């Protein structure tokens, strides 16, 4: 599925995208998923509802994905269930990754992972030949060189370990970097309130989560749109924002350890939050004007 915006973009820049999202977990996935769907250089091949380590969590993510697509008035055929948990050995989401990776398509394939890597691990086990057929952009992991506990990694450590030992192309956006995507509630309110069903869906989700006791470590007047860098680094692929480092092995305690071999990881060290936010709000504004069409 592609979004047609009222300005042209070069067709040779188009990429295929699969989004893996634990949409029902927290409140930042909504922004990242919707920004991806509204980006004209993305041909979104599927949104995979991802579990977040709790029973029934994949199903919750699937239902939340339906809400997003309904608000956008677009088909839910691109919404696909992922693995139900860390012990899964198959999933429709994994099958989609394999299918797209093996296609004879000159456009690059990117898997934007906004949570656990269970479905990526399953895809690699289904067909190991896809190990160099796509690029994983993962919001996850702690900073280099030591690593440590991080939420998305903690949802399925074993899958992340296997993926990092196998997959050739990984772009990693660690916690200290994605955490720079802070934005105040007042900014969100001023840019979103009452402008469309989609605007209000995003805003109301964030406000509701901001009121929960689990958000006690936050100030109460700000949020972090930490998943938005996944589409952001493709929208604005600045070459000075990352380092290419030797691939590290992820240990069971989520620390990093040197790994033998020639695999490397693109690790992001910097983002341009204002650029990503402005793009997000601008695309939402164009959507509210009724000038975006999905094909």
Protein backbone atom coordinates (compact mmCIF):
# COMPACT_ATOMS: atom_id res chain seq x y z
CA UNK A 1 0.00 0.00 0.00
CA UNK A 2 1.28 3.44 -0.93
CA UNK A 3 0.21 6.96 -0.07
CA UNK A 4 -0.13 9.44 -2.92
CA UNK A 5 0.62 12.96 -1.72
CA UNK A 6 0.04 16.19 -3.67
CA UNK A 7 3.73 16.49 -4.55
CA UNK A 8 5.84 14.19 -6.75
CA UNK A 9 8.62 11.95 -5.45
CA UNK A 10 11.20 10.10 -7.60
CA UNK A 11 10.01 6.57 -8.26
CA UNK A 12 13.57 5.24 -8.12
CA UNK A 13 13.70 6.22 -4.42
CA UNK A 14 10.74 4.02 -3.50
CA UNK A 15 11.40 1.25 -0.97
CA UNK A 16 9.37 -1.68 0.29
CA UNK A 17 8.58 -1.59 4.00
CA UNK A 18 7.25 -4.13 6.49
CA UNK A 19 6.36 -2.69 9.90
CA UNK A 20 6.63 -4.90 12.99
CA UNK A 21 4.81 -3.12 15.80
CA UNK A 22 3.62 -3.94 19.32
CA UNK A 23 0.96 -1.32 18.70
CA UNK A 24 -1.01 -1.91 21.89
CA UNK A 25 2.07 -1.48 24.05
CA UNK A 26 2.55 2.14 25.16
CA UNK A 27 1.67 5.09 22.92
CA UNK A 28 4.50 5.85 20.51
CA UNK A 29 3.84 3.08 17.96
CA UNK A 30 0.77 4.91 16.65
CA UNK A 31 2.83 7.88 15.52
CA UNK A 32 5.51 5.73 13.84
CA UNK A 33 3.02 3.47 12.05
CA UNK A 34 0.89 6.36 10.80
CA UNK A 35 3.92 8.39 9.66
CA UNK A 36 5.13 5.34 7.72
CA UNK A 37 1.74 4.87 6.06
CA UNK A 38 1.68 8.54 5.00
CA UNK A 39 5.20 8.51 3.50
CA UNK A 40 5.05 8.45 -0.31
CA UNK A 41 8.42 6.71 -0.86
CA UNK A 42 7.22 3.74 1.23
CA UNK A 43 5.35 0.84 -0.32
CA UNK A 44 4.09 -0.69 2.92
CA UNK A 45 3.81 -4.41 2.26
CA UNK A 46 2.38 -5.20 5.66
CA UNK A 47 1.91 -4.17 9.27
CA UNK A 48 2.69 -7.10 11.54
CA UNK A 49 1.05 -7.03 14.97
CA UNK A 50 3.78 -7.99 17.43
CA UNK A 51 3.51 -9.43 20.94
CA UNK A 52 5.15 -7.67 23.88
CA UNK A 53 5.78 -10.59 26.19
CA UNK A 54 2.34 -10.84 27.77
CA UNK A 55 -0.38 -13.40 27.10
CA UNK A 56 -2.76 -12.08 24.46
CA UNK A 57 -0.54 -9.10 23.66
CA UNK A 58 -0.24 -9.85 19.94
CA UNK A 59 -4.02 -9.97 19.69
CA UNK A 60 -4.22 -6.60 21.47
CA UNK A 61 -1.73 -5.14 18.99
CA UNK A 62 -3.80 -6.52 16.11
CA UNK A 63 -6.97 -4.84 17.40
CA UNK A 64 -5.12 -1.56 17.87
CA UNK A 65 -3.80 -1.84 14.30
CA UNK A 66 -7.38 -2.17 13.06
CA UNK A 67 -8.25 1.06 14.88
CA UNK A 68 -5.44 2.90 13.12
CA UNK A 69 -6.38 1.65 9.67
CA UNK A 70 -10.05 2.41 10.29
CA UNK A 71 -9.18 5.99 11.29
CA UNK A 72 -7.17 6.37 8.09
CA UNK A 73 -10.05 4.91 6.03
CA UNK A 74 -7.75 2.40 4.41
CA UNK A 75 -8.02 -1.35 3.99
CA UNK A 76 -6.97 -3.66 6.80
CA UNK A 77 -5.65 -6.26 4.38
CA UNK A 78 -2.12 -5.14 5.12
CA UNK A 79 -2.55 -5.91 8.84
CA UNK A 80 -1.13 -9.32 9.69
CA UNK A 81 -0.88 -11.26 12.96
CA UNK A 82 2.60 -11.93 14.23
CA UNK A 83 3.94 -14.55 16.60
CA UNK A 84 1.80 -14.99 19.70
CA UNK A 85 4.84 -15.27 21.96
CA UNK A 86 8.54 -16.02 22.28
CA UNK A 87 8.00 -19.78 21.91
CA UNK A 88 6.24 -19.49 18.54
CA UNK A 89 7.81 -21.35 15.64
CA UNK A 90 5.59 -19.90 12.91
CA UNK A 91 3.66 -16.74 12.14
CA UNK A 92 2.00 -15.01 9.22
CA UNK A 93 4.26 -12.05 9.85
CA UNK A 94 7.36 -14.19 9.43
CA UNK A 95 5.94 -15.71 6.24
CA UNK A 96 5.41 -12.20 4.85
CA UNK A 97 9.05 -11.30 5.53
CA UNK A 98 10.20 -14.44 3.69
CA UNK A 99 7.82 -13.81 0.77
CA UNK A 100 8.95 -10.22 0.28
CA UNK A 101 12.64 -11.05 0.77
CA UNK A 102 12.52 -13.65 -2.00
CA UNK A 103 10.66 -11.47 -4.51
CA UNK A 104 12.32 -10.43 -7.73
CA UNK A 105 11.94 -6.74 -6.96
CA UNK A 106 14.70 -4.17 -7.45
CA UNK A 107 13.33 -1.99 -4.68
CA UNK A 108 15.12 -2.41 -1.36
CA UNK A 109 13.22 -4.13 1.45
CA UNK A 110 13.30 -2.67 4.98
CA UNK A 111 11.77 -4.28 8.06
CA UNK A 112 10.99 -1.60 10.64
CA UNK A 113 10.95 -3.36 14.01
CA UNK A 114 9.38 -1.34 16.81
CA UNK A 115 9.43 -4.15 19.37
CA UNK A 116 10.50 -7.76 19.85
CA UNK A 117 12.33 -9.54 17.02
CA UNK A 118 10.44 -12.85 17.31
CA UNK A 119 8.97 -12.71 13.80
CA UNK A 120 12.35 -11.84 12.26
CA UNK A 121 13.94 -14.84 13.98
CA UNK A 122 11.16 -17.13 12.75
CA UNK A 123 11.53 -15.81 9.20
CA UNK A 124 15.25 -16.59 9.23
CA UNK A 125 14.52 -20.10 10.51
CA UNK A 126 11.90 -20.68 7.81
CA UNK A 127 14.35 -19.77 5.06
CA UNK A 128 17.98 -19.04 6.07
CA UNK A 129 18.70 -17.88 2.50
CA UNK A 130 17.07 -14.52 3.25
CA UNK A 131 19.91 -13.57 5.64
CA UNK A 132 21.13 -10.88 3.21
CA UNK A 133 17.88 -10.01 1.41
CA UNK A 134 16.57 -7.18 3.60
CA UNK A 135 17.63 -4.53 6.09
CA UNK A 136 16.33 -4.57 9.65
CA UNK A 137 15.85 -1.17 11.30
CA UNK A 138 15.44 -1.93 14.98
CA UNK A 139 14.36 0.37 17.78
CA UNK A 140 16.04 -1.55 20.56
CA UNK A 141 19.05 -2.41 22.65
CA UNK A 142 21.13 -0.38 25.05
CA UNK A 143 24.14 1.75 24.11
CA UNK A 144 27.52 0.54 22.93
CA UNK A 145 29.90 -0.89 23.91
CA UNK A 146 28.42 -2.41 27.08
CA UNK A 147 24.72 -2.90 26.34
CA UNK A 148 22.30 -3.71 29.15
CA UNK A 149 18.58 -3.86 29.85
CA UNK A 150 16.27 -2.27 27.29
CA UNK A 151 12.53 -2.83 26.94
CA UNK A 152 12.19 -4.06 23.34
CA UNK A 153 15.19 -6.34 23.73
CA UNK A 154 13.85 -7.70 27.02
CA UNK A 155 10.62 -8.87 25.34
CA UNK A 156 12.54 -11.63 23.50
CA UNK A 157 16.26 -11.77 24.19
CA UNK A 158 16.80 -15.12 22.48
CA UNK A 159 15.34 -13.96 19.18
CA UNK A 160 17.50 -10.83 19.20
CA UNK A 161 20.56 -13.00 19.92
CA UNK A 162 19.81 -15.23 16.93
CA UNK A 163 19.02 -12.36 14.57
CA UNK A 164 22.25 -10.54 15.45
CA UNK A 165 24.25 -13.72 14.81
CA UNK A 166 22.63 -14.29 11.42
CA UNK A 167 21.24 -11.26 9.60
CA UNK A 168 23.65 -9.28 7.43
CA UNK A 169 22.05 -5.82 7.40
CA UNK A 170 21.02 -4.33 10.74
CA UNK A 171 20.51 -0.64 11.51
CA UNK A 172 20.16 -0.30 15.26
CA UNK A 173 18.77 2.72 17.10
CA UNK A 174 19.64 2.18 20.79
CA UNK A 175 17.74 3.50 23.78
CA UNK A 176 19.84 6.59 24.52
CA UNK A 177 19.35 7.69 20.90
CA UNK A 178 15.64 6.96 20.43
CA UNK A 179 15.05 8.57 23.83
CA UNK A 180 16.02 11.93 22.33
CA UNK A 181 12.62 11.96 20.59
CA UNK A 182 11.05 13.88 23.47
CA UNK A 183 8.11 16.18 22.85
CA UNK A 184 5.86 18.11 25.22
CA UNK A 185 2.18 17.31 25.69
CA UNK A 186 1.37 20.95 24.88
CA UNK A 187 3.11 20.62 21.49
CA UNK A 188 1.17 17.46 20.75
CA UNK A 189 -2.10 19.05 21.91
CA UNK A 190 -1.57 22.18 19.79
CA UNK A 191 -0.74 20.17 16.67
CA UNK A 192 -3.26 17.35 17.02
CA UNK A 193 -6.37 18.30 18.99
CA UNK A 194 -9.58 18.15 16.96
CA UNK A 195 -7.98 18.17 13.50
CA UNK A 196 -9.13 14.72 12.38
CA UNK A 197 -10.06 11.30 13.74
CA UNK A 198 -6.43 10.23 13.23
CA UNK A 199 -5.06 13.28 15.05
CA UNK A 200 -7.31 12.64 18.02
CA UNK A 201 -6.53 8.92 18.06
CA UNK A 202 -2.83 9.67 18.50
CA UNK A 203 -3.34 12.44 21.04
CA UNK A 204 -5.88 10.62 23.18
CA UNK A 205 -3.68 7.52 23.28
CA UNK A 206 -0.70 9.50 24.54
CA UNK A 207 -2.72 11.45 27.12
CA UNK A 208 -4.29 8.24 28.44
CA UNK A 209 -0.90 6.57 28.85
CA UNK A 210 0.58 9.71 30.38
CA UNK A 211 -1.98 9.43 33.19
CA UNK A 212 -1.03 5.85 34.11
CA UNK A 213 1.12 5.12 37.18
CA UNK A 214 3.55 3.23 34.91
CA UNK A 215 4.63 6.58 33.46
CA UNK A 216 5.94 7.76 36.82
CA UNK A 217 9.48 8.20 35.52
CA UNK A 218 8.26 10.83 33.04
CA UNK A 219 7.73 14.50 33.89
CA UNK A 220 3.96 14.29 33.32
CA UNK A 221 4.07 17.02 30.67
CA UNK A 222 6.07 15.29 27.95
CA UNK A 223 6.28 12.03 26.03
CA UNK A 224 8.84 10.21 23.91
CA UNK A 225 7.95 9.21 20.35
CA UNK A 226 10.77 6.69 20.45
CA UNK A 227 9.58 4.51 17.56
CA UNK A 228 9.42 7.35 15.03
CA UNK A 229 13.15 7.19 14.14
CA UNK A 230 12.50 3.89 12.33
CA UNK A 231 10.75 5.62 9.41
CA UNK A 232 12.69 8.82 10.17
CA UNK A 233 16.11 7.48 9.19
CA UNK A 234 14.72 6.44 5.81
CA UNK A 235 12.91 9.73 5.24
CA UNK A 236 16.12 11.62 6.04
CA UNK A 237 19.10 9.25 5.60
CA UNK A 238 21.86 11.50 6.95
CA UNK A 239 25.23 9.77 6.60
CA UNK A 240 26.84 11.43 9.61
CA UNK A 241 24.36 10.15 12.19
CA UNK A 242 25.71 6.63 12.64
CA UNK A 243 28.78 4.46 13.02
CA UNK A 244 29.51 1.12 11.38
CA UNK A 245 30.75 -1.17 14.16
CA UNK A 246 31.73 -4.85 14.33
CA UNK A 247 28.67 -6.93 15.14
CA UNK A 248 28.31 -7.59 18.87
CA UNK A 249 26.82 -10.71 20.39
CA UNK A 250 23.88 -10.11 22.72
CA UNK A 251 24.25 -12.01 25.98
CA UNK A 252 21.37 -13.38 28.07
CA UNK A 253 21.75 -10.47 30.50
CA UNK A 254 21.38 -8.13 27.47
CA UNK A 255 24.99 -6.96 27.62
CA UNK A 256 27.15 -6.94 24.48
CA UNK A 257 30.16 -9.13 23.84
CA UNK A 258 32.61 -9.19 20.94
CA UNK A 259 31.64 -11.68 18.24
CA UNK A 260 33.85 -13.39 15.69
CA UNK A 261 33.09 -12.89 12.02
CA UNK A 262 32.72 -10.14 9.46
CA UNK A 263 29.17 -8.98 10.26
CA UNK A 264 28.76 -5.30 11.09
CA UNK A 265 25.97 -3.13 12.47
CA UNK A 266 25.00 0.41 11.57
CA UNK A 267 24.48 1.96 15.00
CA UNK A 268 22.80 5.36 15.13
CA UNK A 269 24.39 7.93 17.42
CA UNK A 270 22.28 10.97 16.54
CA UNK A 271 18.85 11.89 15.21
CA UNK A 272 17.13 15.03 13.97
CA UNK A 273 13.98 14.98 16.13
CA UNK A 274 12.55 18.29 14.91
CA UNK A 275 12.77 17.16 11.28
CA UNK A 276 10.94 13.92 12.09
CA UNK A 277 8.28 15.73 14.15
CA UNK A 278 7.72 18.39 11.48
CA UNK A 279 7.35 15.73 8.79
CA UNK A 280 4.87 13.86 10.98
CA UNK A 281 2.69 16.90 11.67
CA UNK A 282 2.86 18.06 8.03
CA UNK A 283 1.72 14.72 6.67
CA UNK A 284 -1.10 14.60 9.19
CA UNK A 285 -2.14 18.09 8.10
CA UNK A 286 -2.20 17.00 4.45
CA UNK A 287 -4.27 13.97 5.44
CA UNK A 288 -6.77 16.19 7.27
CA UNK A 289 -7.14 18.30 4.11
CA UNK A 290 -8.19 15.19 2.19
CA UNK A 291 -5.34 15.39 -0.34
CA UNK A 292 -3.73 12.01 0.46
CA UNK A 293 -4.93 8.92 -1.37
CA UNK A 294 -3.99 5.30 -0.61
CA UNK A 295 -3.40 2.91 -3.50
